[in-house]
Every structure is written in structure tokens, then in C-alpha cells.
Amino acid sequence: MNIKRWALGSGIVVAGVAVAAYFWLQHNGNGAMEHIVSGNGRIEAVEIDIAARQPARIKSIEVEEGELVHTGQELVHMDTDSLEAQLRQAEARIRQAEEAVSTARSQLAQRESEKAAAQALVVQRQTELAAAQRRAQRFTDLRKRGFISQQQLDDYLEAVDRAAAVLAAARAQVAASDAAIAAARNQIQGSESAVEAAQAEADRIRTDIEDSLLKAPRDGRVQLIVARAGEVVGAGGRVLNLVDLKDVYMTFFLPTRAVGRVALGSEARLVLDALPQYVIPAHISFVADVAQFTPKTVETEVEREKLMFRVRAQIPEELLVKHLTQVKTGLPGVAYVTLDPSAPWPPHLQVKLPK
């Protein structure tokens, strides 16, 4: 969701009004106002665009313009039929991959059993070879003493060769079993990777489905509905926008001589034209680093007084929460800022709030 600063109405009144008000207060006001400067402005708030994450058709819009909404409230339902079909397909791939893992594990168990049998056969063939070698050794001694013929000795020596060949074959079978086991393990890893990939795809689709239900990220008021049910919006396409009623402020301008004495966090009071009987507390949350309405050449003191700096007076969030249904943006008024934190506010600027 794209969040940007937004102001209702035609904008901030010209800086000349702020300059006139400032000099009137400095030169014509009473002593109680000497440490206070003021500027004209409008109540503004943060705008939040509610947009679709991926291209889709709007199924329904659950709110109306001007409606007050709360954090987590469902605002827009996007059509998810296509995504749900994709999810079913991904879940089917997960089942297939899991079955492949099960099959590969069964094959691995079979290959390990075959290896165990081959290893047992190797032990048997080793025993047979050792026995044949002992017999051959005994008959070799007998041949030397002439008790047996050469043919008989050759037969026993041939038996040793046969036993050695059988042992080599058994060992080759063990090696083949090792290769089959390695292949089965690789197949398991590949199948498990396929399961993970299918699960990741399913998770992505589920996230897309969840994102298709657009909810209010915070408390606010529906300012504008851009698209309607049945329309198709692209990725990032704005459906509606909200005004964040917990982030409300007034932007106004002060001249150089005054802004140099205004610090961040300084106390302020806001008096709205529509509600002059109330005085709203605020604090300075922003002072521009760059002047506006500056002439190209600044040479005289009169021209330097044309330098204006943008200042923002933030209304406390706890106050906004308490009067959430009464918060309105776009209302013009006057912001008063104290330059002396130790000096009291005059009676007509003491905080007065609706009950």
C-alpha cells in the first residue's frame, strides 16, 4: 500500500496572510501574545492507497465513501477463482511428490536389504576361499612327498581359483548395491525437493489469495472509491483510499524571524474557523529546512522578510483516538506556536475540547 501525505481543500493560504498576522501580533497585540506566533493553514492527514497486489477483478466493495473503518476491517474482496484453481493444482503436485518420496524410500530400503544379503554372501565366499586355500596347501605338501598325483593337486588349486572368482563376484554385488543405494538416496532428495517446491508454490498462491482480501491497515475514513465491483485492476491498481485519522496535523507558514525560534516539540494551539469555541493542543513535528516564496535576489531587510518556512503542528494521537468520529480534514484555521515554553498561554488559547 502506497502511503503519502495528503491535504483536502485547495491548499495552504498564501504566506502573506501569515506574515501580516505575525507582524500584527508582534507590534499590535498585547503583552501576553508577545511570545506567540501564528500562521494560517488547514487540517491535513495521511492518505493510504488501498491497492490490489496482483491483477484481478473486483468481486465486491464492502464500504462506502465517508465511512469510518477500523484496523483489520474487510474493505474489498477480489475474485480468487483462478487462484483457488491454481492452489488445487499445486496441492495435487504436493501429493504426487510425496508419493514419489515414499516410493524412493521403499526402493532405498530394498537396496539396503540387497546390500546386506550381498555382504553376507561375501563373508560366505571368503570362508569358502579360505577353506579351499587350506586344502590346496595341505595337498601341495602331500604332492611334494609323492602321496598324490599332480592332477589331484591341480584340481585343488583350481578350486581355490574358483572360490576367489566367486568372492570377487560377491564383492562386485556389494559395490552394485552401494551404487543402487546412492541412486535411491538421490531420488529421495529429488522427490523431497519437488515436495518443497510444490509447497512453496502452494504457499505463494495462498498468500495471493489472502492478499486478495483488502483490509484496512489502520483506523481511518474512506475518502475516495476509485474502482467499482466488476472492474479489472492491474497489479498495484488503486481501488480506494483512506484518510488516517490518527495522523492529523496542520501545515502553516512562518517567516524567518519567527521560525528561527521554533523548536521541534514546541507547544502549539489550533483554532479552526468552523469550531472557534475550541482550542486544540498540538506540538511542532516538522520545520522545513528550505524557505519558500524566496525572491531570486535577497538584498534588503524587507525582501528577507518574504522568506517563509513550512511548519507542521501535529495533533496528539491519543486525542484523535478519543474524538475519532469527530475528526475532519480540510478545515481551515490558525495555528499558534509559543516561543517561550515557560510563559503561560493566554486565557483565550487555553485548551478547550468537545466533550
Protein backbone atom coordinates (compact mmCIF):
# COMPACT_ATOMS: atom_id res chain seq x y z
CA MET A 1 0.00 0.00 0.00
CA ASN A 2 1.33 3.38 -1.02
CA ILE A 3 1.27 5.92 1.83
CA LYS A 4 1.70 9.67 1.10
CA ARG A 5 0.88 12.94 2.68
CA TRP A 6 -2.43 14.40 1.58
CA ALA A 7 -4.41 17.55 2.20
CA LEU A 8 -8.07 18.22 1.45
CA GLY A 9 -9.13 21.55 0.03
CA SER A 10 -7.35 23.94 -2.22
CA GLY A 11 -4.10 24.09 -0.17
CA ILE A 12 -2.41 26.41 2.27
CA VAL A 13 -3.41 30.08 2.11
CA VAL A 14 -0.80 32.46 0.80
CA ALA A 15 2.14 33.23 3.01
CA GLY A 16 1.42 36.94 3.01
CA VAL A 17 -1.50 36.39 5.36
CA ALA A 18 0.82 34.61 7.78
CA VAL A 19 3.31 37.46 7.58
CA ALA A 20 0.61 40.04 8.26
CA ALA A 21 -0.70 38.05 11.20
CA TYR A 22 2.78 37.66 12.60
CA PHE A 23 3.61 41.38 12.46
CA TRP A 24 0.20 42.33 13.86
CA LEU A 25 0.80 40.08 16.84
CA GLN A 26 4.29 41.41 17.33
CA HIS A 27 3.50 45.12 17.06
CA ASN A 28 -0.21 45.47 17.89
CA GLY A 29 -1.01 42.53 20.19
CA ASN A 30 -0.98 42.76 23.94
CA GLY A 31 1.95 41.71 26.09
CA ALA A 32 0.52 38.25 26.67
CA MET A 33 0.94 37.43 22.95
CA GLU A 34 4.50 38.65 22.51
CA HIS A 35 5.92 35.12 22.83
CA ILE A 36 3.37 33.61 20.44
CA VAL A 37 3.45 33.50 16.63
CA SER A 38 0.74 32.22 14.34
CA GLY A 39 0.01 31.15 10.81
CA ASN A 40 -2.99 30.14 8.76
CA GLY A 41 -3.41 26.61 7.48
CA ARG A 42 -5.72 23.65 7.00
CA ILE A 43 -6.17 20.36 8.81
CA GLU A 44 -4.41 17.61 6.86
CA ALA A 45 -3.89 13.88 7.29
CA VAL A 46 -2.04 10.91 5.84
CA GLU A 47 -3.64 9.23 2.85
CA ILE A 48 -3.39 5.45 2.39
CA ASP A 49 -3.99 3.90 -1.01
CA ILE A 50 -5.72 0.50 -0.87
CA ALA A 51 -4.49 -1.32 -3.98
CA ALA A 52 -4.57 -4.81 -5.50
CA ARG A 53 -1.34 -6.78 -5.22
CA GLN A 54 -1.92 -8.69 -8.48
CA PRO A 55 -4.24 -8.23 -11.48
CA ALA A 56 -7.77 -9.31 -10.61
CA ARG A 57 -11.45 -8.50 -10.93
CA ILE A 58 -13.12 -6.70 -8.05
CA LYS A 59 -15.72 -9.03 -6.56
CA SER A 60 -17.23 -6.65 -4.01
CA ILE A 61 -16.53 -3.44 -2.11
CA GLU A 62 -17.73 -3.58 1.47
CA VAL A 63 -17.57 0.13 2.40
CA GLU A 64 -18.86 3.46 1.18
CA GLU A 65 -17.19 6.83 0.77
CA GLY A 66 -17.05 8.73 4.05
CA GLU A 67 -17.41 5.59 6.14
CA LEU A 68 -15.28 5.24 9.26
CA VAL A 69 -13.30 1.97 9.24
CA HIS A 70 -11.11 0.24 11.79
CA THR A 71 -7.83 -1.68 11.59
CA GLY A 72 -8.30 -5.11 10.01
CA GLN A 73 -11.78 -4.39 8.69
CA GLU A 74 -12.52 -6.02 5.32
CA LEU A 75 -12.76 -3.39 2.60
CA VAL A 76 -12.56 -5.11 -0.79
CA HIS A 77 -12.96 -8.72 -1.97
CA MET A 78 -11.09 -9.58 -5.18
CA ASP A 79 -12.12 -12.53 -7.39
CA THR A 80 -9.96 -15.55 -6.43
CA ASP A 81 -11.48 -18.34 -8.59
CA SER A 82 -8.36 -18.59 -10.75
CA LEU A 83 -6.05 -18.56 -7.74
CA GLU A 84 -8.04 -21.26 -5.99
CA ALA A 85 -7.78 -23.47 -9.09
CA GLN A 86 -4.02 -22.91 -9.13
CA LEU A 87 -3.90 -23.82 -5.44
CA ARG A 88 -5.70 -27.12 -6.06
CA GLN A 89 -3.23 -27.90 -8.83
CA ALA A 90 -0.27 -27.12 -6.55
CA GLU A 91 -1.71 -29.30 -3.78
CA ALA A 92 -2.05 -32.18 -6.28
CA ARG A 93 1.63 -31.75 -7.20
CA ILE A 94 2.49 -31.91 -3.49
CA ARG A 95 0.68 -35.24 -3.15
CA GLN A 96 2.42 -36.62 -6.24
CA ALA A 97 5.82 -35.55 -4.95
CA GLU A 98 5.12 -37.03 -1.52
CA GLU A 99 4.18 -40.34 -3.14
CA ALA A 100 7.45 -40.23 -5.11
CA VAL A 101 9.33 -39.72 -1.84
CA SER A 102 7.56 -42.72 -0.30
CA THR A 103 8.39 -44.87 -3.34
CA ALA A 104 12.03 -43.78 -3.30
CA ARG A 105 12.33 -44.60 0.38
CA SER A 106 10.88 -48.06 -0.23
CA GLN A 107 13.42 -48.60 -3.01
CA LEU A 108 16.18 -47.45 -0.68
CA ALA A 109 15.11 -49.97 1.94
CA GLN A 110 15.07 -52.70 -0.71
CA ARG A 111 18.55 -51.77 -1.96
CA GLU A 112 19.91 -51.75 1.59
CA SER A 113 18.45 -55.23 2.13
CA GLU A 114 20.10 -56.41 -1.08
CA LYS A 115 23.40 -54.97 0.12
CA ALA A 116 23.09 -56.74 3.43
CA ALA A 117 22.48 -60.02 1.61
CA ALA A 118 25.44 -59.37 -0.69
CA GLN A 119 27.68 -58.62 2.27
CA ALA A 120 26.62 -61.87 3.94
CA LEU A 121 27.42 -63.70 0.71
CA VAL A 122 30.87 -62.08 0.65
CA VAL A 123 31.56 -63.42 4.12
CA GLN A 124 30.47 -66.88 2.99
CA ARG A 125 32.65 -66.72 -0.11
CA GLN A 126 35.60 -65.55 1.94
CA THR A 127 35.16 -68.57 4.22
CA GLU A 128 34.96 -70.91 1.22
CA LEU A 129 38.08 -69.36 -0.30
CA ALA A 130 40.00 -69.73 2.95
CA ALA A 131 38.98 -73.39 3.22
CA ALA A 132 39.99 -74.05 -0.40
CA GLN A 133 43.33 -72.38 0.20
CA ARG A 134 43.99 -74.54 3.27
CA ARG A 135 43.14 -77.71 1.38
CA ALA A 136 45.34 -76.68 -1.50
CA GLN A 137 48.22 -76.06 0.91
CA ARG A 138 47.82 -79.48 2.50
CA PHE A 139 47.66 -81.26 -0.86
CA THR A 140 50.69 -79.30 -2.05
CA ASP A 141 52.68 -80.80 0.85
CA LEU A 142 51.33 -84.25 0.03
CA ARG A 143 52.33 -83.84 -3.59
CA LYS A 144 55.85 -82.92 -2.57
CA ARG A 145 56.04 -86.20 -0.66
CA GLY A 146 54.50 -88.09 -3.56
CA PHE A 147 51.32 -89.18 -1.83
CA ILE A 148 49.02 -87.69 -4.51
CA SER A 149 49.23 -87.10 -8.19
CA GLN A 150 49.81 -83.78 -9.87
CA GLN A 151 46.28 -83.93 -11.31
CA GLN A 152 44.79 -84.09 -7.86
CA LEU A 153 46.83 -81.07 -6.76
CA ASP A 154 45.78 -79.14 -9.86
CA ASP A 155 42.15 -79.84 -9.05
CA TYR A 156 42.52 -78.34 -5.57
CA LEU A 157 44.39 -75.32 -6.92
CA GLU A 158 41.62 -74.82 -9.48
CA ALA A 159 39.08 -74.93 -6.65
CA VAL A 160 40.95 -72.06 -4.98
CA ASP A 161 40.73 -70.02 -8.18
CA ARG A 162 37.01 -70.70 -8.45
CA ALA A 163 36.44 -69.66 -4.85
CA ALA A 164 38.40 -66.43 -5.43
CA ALA A 165 36.32 -65.66 -8.52
CA VAL A 166 33.08 -66.28 -6.65
CA LEU A 167 34.29 -63.96 -3.85
CA ALA A 168 35.11 -61.23 -6.37
CA ALA A 169 31.62 -61.56 -7.84
CA ALA A 170 30.07 -61.24 -4.38
CA ARG A 171 32.12 -58.13 -3.69
CA ALA A 172 31.02 -56.67 -7.04
CA GLN A 173 27.45 -57.28 -5.98
CA VAL A 174 28.07 -55.27 -2.81
CA ALA A 175 29.52 -52.43 -4.91
CA ALA A 176 26.47 -52.55 -7.18
CA SER A 177 24.23 -52.38 -4.11
CA ASP A 178 26.13 -49.32 -2.90
CA ALA A 179 25.53 -47.62 -6.25
CA ALA A 180 21.84 -48.54 -6.14
CA ILE A 181 21.58 -47.16 -2.60
CA ALA A 182 23.23 -43.88 -3.65
CA ALA A 183 20.82 -43.61 -6.59
CA ALA A 184 17.84 -44.26 -4.29
CA ARG A 185 19.02 -41.59 -1.86
CA ASN A 186 19.44 -39.11 -4.71
CA GLN A 187 15.93 -39.97 -5.86
CA ILE A 188 14.64 -39.29 -2.34
CA GLN A 189 16.39 -35.92 -2.26
CA GLY A 190 14.99 -35.03 -5.67
CA SER A 191 11.47 -36.04 -4.64
CA GLU A 192 11.76 -34.12 -1.37
CA SER A 193 12.93 -31.05 -3.32
CA ALA A 194 9.90 -31.44 -5.56
CA VAL A 195 7.68 -31.54 -2.44
CA GLU A 196 9.32 -28.35 -1.11
CA ALA A 197 8.91 -26.61 -4.47
CA ALA A 198 5.24 -27.59 -4.68
CA GLN A 199 4.65 -26.50 -1.09
CA ALA A 200 6.35 -23.16 -1.79
CA GLU A 201 4.14 -22.67 -4.83
CA ALA A 202 1.05 -23.51 -2.78
CA ASP A 203 2.14 -21.09 -0.04
CA ARG A 204 2.64 -18.34 -2.63
CA ILE A 205 -0.83 -18.91 -4.04
CA ARG A 206 -2.34 -18.92 -0.54
CA THR A 207 -0.60 -15.61 0.10
CA ASP A 208 -2.04 -14.22 -3.13
CA ILE A 209 -5.49 -15.38 -2.05
CA GLU A 210 -5.05 -13.73 1.36
CA ASP A 211 -3.84 -10.54 -0.31
CA SER A 212 -6.97 -10.58 -2.46
CA LEU A 213 -8.92 -9.66 0.65
CA LEU A 214 -8.02 -6.00 1.13
CA LYS A 215 -8.23 -4.88 4.74
CA ALA A 216 -7.83 -1.55 6.48
CA PRO A 217 -4.23 -1.19 7.72
CA ARG A 218 -5.33 1.27 10.41
CA ASP A 219 -8.28 3.31 11.63
CA GLY A 220 -9.44 5.87 9.11
CA ARG A 221 -12.18 7.21 6.88
CA VAL A 222 -12.86 6.13 3.29
CA GLN A 223 -12.05 9.21 1.26
CA LEU A 224 -12.49 8.02 -2.32
CA ILE A 225 -13.55 4.85 -4.12
CA VAL A 226 -11.68 4.73 -7.42
CA ALA A 227 -12.94 1.44 -8.90
CA ARG A 228 -16.19 -0.48 -8.60
CA ALA A 229 -17.25 -4.12 -8.37
CA GLY A 230 -16.81 -5.97 -11.66
CA GLU A 231 -13.90 -3.85 -12.86
CA VAL A 232 -10.50 -5.41 -13.52
CA VAL A 233 -7.50 -3.68 -11.97
CA GLY A 234 -3.84 -4.32 -12.67
CA ALA A 235 -1.10 -5.11 -10.20
CA GLY A 236 -0.86 -2.16 -7.85
CA GLY A 237 -4.14 -0.77 -9.15
CA ARG A 238 -5.78 1.53 -6.62
CA VAL A 239 -9.28 0.59 -5.53
CA LEU A 240 -9.89 3.17 -2.79
CA ASN A 241 -8.01 5.35 -0.36
CA LEU A 242 -8.32 6.13 3.31
CA VAL A 243 -7.52 9.10 5.47
CA ASP A 244 -5.57 8.05 8.55
CA LEU A 245 -7.43 9.74 11.40
CA LYS A 246 -4.63 9.01 13.85
CA ASP A 247 -2.06 11.05 11.92
CA VAL A 248 -3.61 14.52 11.63
CA TYR A 249 -1.81 17.86 11.58
CA MET A 250 -1.98 21.44 10.35
CA THR A 251 0.59 22.82 7.94
CA PHE A 252 1.23 26.56 8.01
CA PHE A 253 4.00 29.04 7.23
CA LEU A 254 6.13 31.29 9.44
CA PRO A 255 8.64 33.97 8.45
CA THR A 256 12.37 33.66 9.07
CA ARG A 257 12.42 35.84 12.18
CA ALA A 258 9.85 33.59 13.89
CA VAL A 259 10.83 30.16 12.61
CA GLY A 260 14.37 30.53 13.93
CA ARG A 261 12.96 30.37 17.46
CA VAL A 262 10.60 27.45 16.86
CA ALA A 263 11.98 24.09 18.01
CA LEU A 264 10.66 20.63 17.27
CA GLY A 265 8.31 19.62 20.03
CA SER A 266 7.25 23.20 20.80
CA GLU A 267 3.71 23.56 22.08
CA ALA A 268 1.05 24.78 19.68
CA ARG A 269 -2.65 25.52 19.71
CA LEU A 270 -5.05 25.11 16.80
CA VAL A 271 -8.26 27.10 16.39
CA LEU A 272 -10.49 26.07 13.49
CA ASP A 273 -12.74 28.52 11.67
CA ALA A 274 -15.65 26.08 11.87
CA LEU A 275 -15.19 25.50 15.62
CA PRO A 276 -13.82 28.75 17.07
CA GLN A 277 -15.05 27.85 20.56
CA TYR A 278 -12.50 25.02 20.85
CA VAL A 279 -8.72 25.21 21.25
CA ILE A 280 -6.90 22.05 20.18
CA PRO A 281 -3.48 21.21 21.65
CA ALA A 282 -0.66 20.22 19.27
CA HIS A 283 3.11 20.16 19.01
CA ILE A 284 5.55 21.09 16.28
CA SER A 285 6.63 17.93 14.45
CA PHE A 286 8.30 19.45 11.38
CA VAL A 287 10.11 22.63 10.38
CA ALA A 288 11.28 22.91 6.78
CA ASP A 289 14.99 23.33 6.12
CA VAL A 290 14.40 25.30 2.94
CA ALA A 291 12.46 28.55 2.67
CA GLN A 292 9.66 29.06 0.19
CA PHE A 293 8.41 32.11 -1.69
CA THR A 294 12.00 33.31 -1.82
CA PRO A 295 12.93 36.13 -4.28
CA LYS A 296 15.79 35.45 -6.63
CA THR A 297 17.92 38.19 -5.03
CA VAL A 298 17.71 38.92 -1.33
CA GLU A 299 19.40 42.23 -0.56
CA THR A 300 17.19 44.29 1.71
CA GLU A 301 15.60 43.52 5.07
CA VAL A 302 12.12 43.86 3.54
CA GLU A 303 12.94 41.24 0.93
CA ARG A 304 14.35 38.91 3.58
CA GLU A 305 11.01 39.06 5.40
CA LYS A 306 9.45 37.37 2.35
CA LEU A 307 11.24 34.14 3.29
CA MET A 308 8.68 31.68 4.60
CA PHE A 309 9.23 28.25 6.16
CA ARG A 310 6.72 25.45 6.21
CA VAL A 311 5.87 24.22 9.71
CA ARG A 312 3.69 21.33 10.83
CA ALA A 313 1.72 21.15 14.09
CA GLN A 314 0.83 17.56 14.96
CA ILE A 315 -2.30 16.73 16.96
CA PRO A 316 -1.62 14.07 19.65
CA GLU A 317 -2.74 10.59 18.65
CA GLU A 318 -4.43 9.89 21.99
CA LEU A 319 -6.61 12.98 21.48
CA LEU A 320 -7.51 11.87 17.96
CA VAL A 321 -8.44 8.38 19.16
CA LYS A 322 -10.71 9.87 21.81
CA HIS A 323 -12.55 12.03 19.26
CA LEU A 324 -12.11 9.78 16.22
CA THR A 325 -15.63 10.20 14.87
CA GLN A 326 -15.33 14.00 15.08
CA VAL A 327 -12.05 14.32 13.18
CA LYS A 328 -12.45 16.18 9.88
CA THR A 329 -9.75 17.11 7.41
CA GLY A 330 -9.66 20.13 5.15
CA LEU A 331 -10.92 22.56 7.79
CA PRO A 332 -9.09 25.93 7.73
CA GLY A 333 -7.86 27.58 10.89
CA VAL A 334 -5.00 29.26 12.70
CA ALA A 335 -2.02 27.63 14.40
CA TYR A 336 -0.44 29.40 17.37
CA VAL A 337 3.09 28.50 18.49
CA THR A 338 4.79 29.52 21.71
CA LEU A 339 8.39 30.74 21.50
CA ASP A 340 8.83 30.65 25.28
CA PRO A 341 7.97 27.28 26.87
CA SER A 342 7.99 28.82 30.36
CA ALA A 343 5.42 31.51 29.52
CA PRO A 344 1.74 30.67 30.08
CA TRP A 345 -0.81 30.59 27.29
CA PRO A 346 -3.28 33.48 27.35
CA PRO A 347 -6.82 32.64 28.51
CA HIS A 348 -8.34 32.55 25.03
CA LEU A 349 -5.75 29.95 23.93
CA GLN A 350 -6.18 27.59 26.87
CA VAL A 351 -7.12 24.09 25.72
CA LYS A 352 -10.86 23.67 25.21
CA LEU A 353 -12.10 20.40 23.72
CA PRO A 354 -15.53 19.00 22.91
CA LYS A 355 -16.86 16.54 25.45
